[in-house]
Amino acid sequence: YLDQTGDFKLEANVELRFGILGRLNGALFLDAGNVWLLRADPERPGAELKWKGFFNEIALGTGFGLRYDISYLVLRADLGIGLHTPYPNPDRRGYYNLSSFKDGLGFHLAIGYPF
């Protein structure tokens, strides 16, 4: 598991839901966020919150999902891609900095709405 412990967490989610056919719905989404420490930690260099360059420290991802609504239960399948990763990587350049399209893809199955 990724170490996501910290003192300050920022998370933002936007989702546009729309009907497709009957109980099948679609969604377009955009997610952003990160976790920071308030004090420097030698075991996690670069994890402390700094206001300079703050927006470059926020991860950003987008995607499309299908939702099947069974009135008491919603089944979700989402395909997302990372647009910006804030951690250092010499293979990335610019804000939209994935080293490859395939590396940024994520597929998730879930029950219930995300928020």
Protein backbone atom coordinates (compact mmCIF):
# COMPACT_ATOMS: atom_id res chain seq x y z
CA TYR A 1 0.00 0.00 0.00
CA LEU A 2 1.08 3.56 -0.60
CA ASP A 3 1.97 5.52 2.52
CA GLN A 4 -0.79 8.14 2.55
CA THR A 5 -0.45 9.34 6.12
CA GLY A 6 0.03 13.03 6.68
CA ASP A 7 -1.16 16.10 8.53
CA PHE A 8 -2.93 17.90 5.70
CA LYS A 9 -5.13 16.31 3.02
CA LEU A 10 -6.71 18.04 0.04
CA GLU A 11 -9.26 16.18 -2.07
CA ALA A 12 -11.66 17.47 -4.74
CA ASN A 13 -14.05 15.47 -6.93
CA VAL A 14 -16.38 16.61 -9.70
CA GLU A 15 -18.70 14.17 -11.46
CA LEU A 16 -21.21 14.72 -14.27
CA ARG A 17 -23.82 11.92 -14.30
CA PHE A 18 -26.13 11.26 -17.24
CA GLY A 19 -28.54 8.60 -18.43
CA ILE A 20 -27.58 6.22 -21.22
CA LEU A 21 -30.29 3.56 -21.48
CA GLY A 22 -32.80 2.49 -18.83
CA ARG A 23 -30.94 1.80 -15.58
CA LEU A 24 -27.52 2.22 -17.22
CA ASN A 25 -25.96 5.62 -16.54
CA GLY A 26 -22.66 7.22 -17.41
CA ALA A 27 -20.36 9.62 -15.61
CA LEU A 28 -17.44 11.88 -16.48
CA PHE A 29 -15.22 12.72 -13.53
CA LEU A 30 -12.24 14.81 -12.48
CA ASP A 31 -10.33 14.14 -9.24
CA ALA A 32 -7.56 16.17 -7.61
CA GLY A 33 -5.65 16.04 -4.34
CA ASN A 34 -2.63 15.11 -2.28
CA VAL A 35 -1.46 14.54 1.32
CA TRP A 36 1.28 16.60 3.00
CA LEU A 37 3.15 16.82 6.30
CA LEU A 38 3.25 20.06 8.29
CA ARG A 39 6.86 19.40 9.38
CA ALA A 40 9.79 17.90 7.48
CA ASP A 41 10.37 14.17 8.03
CA PRO A 42 13.76 12.69 7.02
CA GLU A 43 12.03 9.38 6.20
CA ARG A 44 9.67 11.10 3.73
CA PRO A 45 11.68 13.83 1.98
CA GLY A 46 9.63 16.36 0.02
CA ALA A 47 6.37 15.48 1.79
CA GLU A 48 6.11 18.70 3.78
CA LEU A 49 3.58 21.37 2.75
CA LYS A 50 5.15 24.29 0.89
CA TRP A 51 3.06 27.10 -0.57
CA LYS A 52 5.61 27.82 -3.29
CA GLY A 53 4.71 25.50 -6.16
CA PHE A 54 1.58 24.32 -4.32
CA PHE A 55 -0.49 23.70 -7.47
CA ASN A 56 2.23 21.51 -8.99
CA GLU A 57 1.97 19.34 -5.85
CA ILE A 58 -1.67 18.42 -6.57
CA ALA A 59 -2.30 15.15 -8.43
CA LEU A 60 -4.96 15.32 -11.15
CA GLY A 61 -6.91 12.57 -12.89
CA THR A 62 -9.99 12.20 -15.08
CA GLY A 63 -12.09 9.45 -16.58
CA PHE A 64 -15.37 7.88 -17.59
CA GLY A 65 -17.58 5.44 -15.75
CA LEU A 66 -20.67 3.29 -16.18
CA ARG A 67 -23.24 2.96 -13.39
CA TYR A 68 -25.97 0.33 -13.26
CA ASP A 69 -28.71 1.37 -10.85
CA ILE A 70 -30.69 -1.49 -9.25
CA SER A 71 -32.72 1.01 -7.12
CA TYR A 72 -31.20 -0.21 -3.80
CA LEU A 73 -27.68 -0.74 -5.18
CA VAL A 74 -25.42 0.95 -7.75
CA LEU A 75 -22.68 -1.03 -9.51
CA ARG A 76 -19.85 1.08 -10.90
CA ALA A 77 -17.09 0.49 -13.44
CA ASP A 78 -14.65 3.39 -13.90
CA LEU A 79 -11.76 3.86 -16.31
CA GLY A 80 -9.52 6.75 -15.32
CA ILE A 81 -6.21 8.24 -16.32
CA GLY A 82 -3.78 10.31 -14.32
CA LEU A 83 -2.99 13.66 -15.89
CA HIS A 84 -0.48 15.03 -13.39
CA THR A 85 1.58 13.19 -10.81
CA PRO A 86 3.42 15.40 -8.31
CA TYR A 87 6.26 13.05 -7.38
CA PRO A 88 9.65 13.38 -9.10
CA ASN A 89 10.28 11.35 -12.25
CA PRO A 90 12.98 12.24 -14.82
CA ASP A 91 10.88 10.78 -17.69
CA ARG A 92 8.13 13.40 -17.27
CA ARG A 93 8.00 16.93 -18.59
CA GLY A 94 5.41 19.69 -18.21
CA TYR A 95 2.18 19.64 -16.24
CA TYR A 96 0.58 16.72 -18.10
CA ASN A 97 3.49 14.52 -17.20
CA LEU A 98 2.71 10.84 -17.66
CA SER A 99 5.64 8.80 -18.91
CA SER A 100 3.18 6.66 -20.95
CA PHE A 101 -0.59 6.47 -21.49
CA LYS A 102 -0.73 2.87 -20.25
CA ASP A 103 1.06 3.76 -16.98
CA GLY A 104 -1.62 6.32 -16.16
CA LEU A 105 -4.66 4.07 -16.69
CA GLY A 106 -6.70 2.65 -13.84
CA PHE A 107 -9.81 0.43 -13.92
CA HIS A 108 -12.03 0.12 -10.84
CA LEU A 109 -15.15 -1.87 -9.99
CA ALA A 110 -17.17 -0.67 -7.01
CA ILE A 111 -20.54 -0.75 -5.27
CA GLY A 112 -22.33 2.52 -4.47
CA TYR A 113 -21.64 6.08 -5.54
CA PRO A 114 -18.14 7.47 -4.91
CA PHE A 115 -19.48 10.38 -2.82
